[in-house]
Amino acid sequence: VQLQASGGGLVQAGGSLRLSCAASGTISGIKVMEWYRQAPGKERELVASSGGRTNYADAVRGRFTISRDNAKNTLYLQMNNLKPEDTAVYYCHVVKTTLPFYVWGQGTQVTVSS
């Protein structure tokens, strides 16, 4: 499976962005789809996941919404009320039941100005 992320950009604090992650190739066996982010000098962290249930990091709960369009094989992350601390490279990630079990997409940069 290949993952293509898009939708990042520069936005002012309080603004919104929607990230997309399109999956292509051998998409069978996808169990969980997730968004991670990595800020400069920090470790990559889980932002939201969509599998049997939806989970969010405490820092984004109530502001971000993860969703999936299975017909389009696309994962979304709607980000509202963005804050400067949300600035990071955002990555989509899938967990599969078939090899390869873990697949990363390329990142998309999100920059929030104060």
Protein backbone atom coordinates (compact mmCIF):
# COMPACT_ATOMS: atom_id res chain seq x y z
CA VAL A 1 0.00 0.00 0.00
CA GLN A 2 1.14 3.56 -0.72
CA LEU A 3 -0.03 6.56 1.27
CA GLN A 4 -0.15 10.07 -0.17
CA ALA A 5 -0.77 12.86 2.34
CA SER A 6 -1.81 16.36 1.39
CA GLY A 7 -3.53 19.45 2.73
CA GLY A 8 -0.84 20.98 4.90
CA GLY A 9 0.03 24.64 4.78
CA LEU A 10 0.43 27.87 6.67
CA VAL A 11 -2.49 29.12 8.74
CA GLN A 12 -3.02 31.67 11.48
CA ALA A 13 -3.86 30.60 15.00
CA GLY A 14 -7.57 29.86 15.28
CA GLY A 15 -7.78 28.76 11.67
CA SER A 16 -8.58 25.38 10.16
CA LEU A 17 -7.02 22.88 7.80
CA ARG A 18 -8.08 19.50 6.49
CA LEU A 19 -5.46 16.88 5.81
CA SER A 20 -6.07 13.99 3.44
CA CYS A 21 -4.27 10.67 3.08
CA ALA A 22 -5.09 8.63 0.00
CA ALA A 23 -4.24 4.93 0.08
CA SER A 24 -3.47 3.08 -3.12
CA GLY A 25 -2.04 -0.25 -4.16
CA THR A 26 -2.75 -3.33 -2.08
CA ILE A 27 -5.12 -1.85 0.44
CA SER A 28 -6.66 -5.08 1.64
CA GLY A 29 -6.06 -5.86 5.27
CA ILE A 30 -5.99 -2.28 6.53
CA LYS A 31 -7.09 -2.48 10.14
CA VAL A 32 -6.22 0.92 11.60
CA MET A 33 -5.51 4.29 10.00
CA GLU A 34 -3.79 6.96 12.03
CA TRP A 35 -2.32 10.42 11.99
CA TYR A 36 0.98 11.17 13.71
CA ARG A 37 2.93 14.40 13.92
CA GLN A 38 6.49 15.38 14.62
CA ALA A 39 7.52 18.85 15.69
CA PRO A 40 11.13 20.06 15.38
CA GLY A 41 13.28 18.53 18.09
CA LYS A 42 10.47 16.33 19.37
CA GLU A 43 9.53 12.69 18.98
CA ARG A 44 6.79 11.61 16.63
CA GLU A 45 3.49 11.37 18.47
CA LEU A 46 0.10 9.86 17.77
CA VAL A 47 -2.56 12.46 17.04
CA ALA A 48 -5.61 10.38 16.19
CA SER A 49 -6.48 6.85 15.18
CA SER A 50 -9.44 5.25 13.43
CA GLY A 51 -9.90 1.52 13.85
CA GLY A 52 -12.40 -0.31 15.94
CA ARG A 53 -12.89 2.97 17.74
CA THR A 54 -11.62 6.50 17.40
CA ASN A 55 -8.94 7.84 19.71
CA TYR A 56 -7.38 11.28 20.07
CA ALA A 57 -4.38 12.71 21.84
CA ASP A 58 -5.38 14.89 24.77
CA ALA A 59 -3.80 17.92 23.11
CA VAL A 60 -6.15 17.78 20.11
CA ARG A 61 -9.35 16.27 21.50
CA GLY A 62 -12.29 18.53 20.79
CA ARG A 63 -10.44 20.40 18.03
CA PHE A 64 -9.44 17.66 15.57
CA THR A 65 -11.68 15.09 13.91
CA ILE A 66 -10.44 11.96 12.16
CA SER A 67 -12.61 10.33 9.52
CA ARG A 68 -12.38 7.73 6.78
CA ASP A 69 -14.01 7.47 3.38
CA ASN A 70 -13.70 3.77 2.66
CA ALA A 71 -15.12 4.16 -0.84
CA LYS A 72 -12.26 6.53 -1.70
CA ASN A 73 -9.68 4.75 0.48
CA THR A 74 -8.93 8.11 2.05
CA LEU A 75 -8.27 9.19 5.61
CA TYR A 76 -8.94 12.76 6.73
CA LEU A 77 -7.98 14.94 9.65
CA GLN A 78 -10.11 18.04 10.13
CA MET A 79 -8.16 20.45 12.32
CA ASN A 80 -10.01 23.40 13.85
CA ASN A 81 -8.92 26.13 16.24
CA LEU A 82 -5.32 25.50 15.36
CA LYS A 83 -2.62 26.63 17.77
CA PRO A 84 1.07 27.41 17.21
CA GLU A 85 1.94 24.26 19.13
CA ASP A 86 0.18 22.22 16.43
CA THR A 87 3.01 23.15 14.07
CA ALA A 88 4.59 19.91 12.89
CA VAL A 89 4.99 17.53 10.01
CA TYR A 90 1.90 15.33 9.93
CA TYR A 91 2.16 11.71 8.79
CA CYS A 92 -0.48 9.14 8.00
CA HIS A 93 0.12 5.58 9.08
CA VAL A 94 -1.73 2.31 8.62
CA VAL A 95 -1.69 -0.96 10.49
CA LYS A 96 -2.46 -3.98 8.32
CA THR A 97 -3.18 -7.63 8.86
CA THR A 98 -0.95 -8.53 5.90
CA LEU A 99 2.68 -7.74 5.16
CA PRO A 100 3.91 -5.10 5.42
CA PHE A 101 2.10 -4.66 8.71
CA TYR A 102 3.03 -0.99 9.19
CA VAL A 103 3.16 1.61 6.42
CA TRP A 104 4.00 5.31 6.65
CA GLY A 105 3.08 8.02 4.22
CA GLN A 106 5.25 11.00 3.45
CA GLY A 107 4.65 13.94 5.72
CA THR A 108 2.79 17.14 5.09
CA GLN A 109 3.90 20.32 6.84
CA VAL A 110 1.45 22.25 9.00
CA THR A 111 2.59 25.64 10.26
CA VAL A 112 0.43 27.72 12.58
CA SER A 113 1.45 31.33 13.10
CA SER A 114 0.57 33.28 16.22
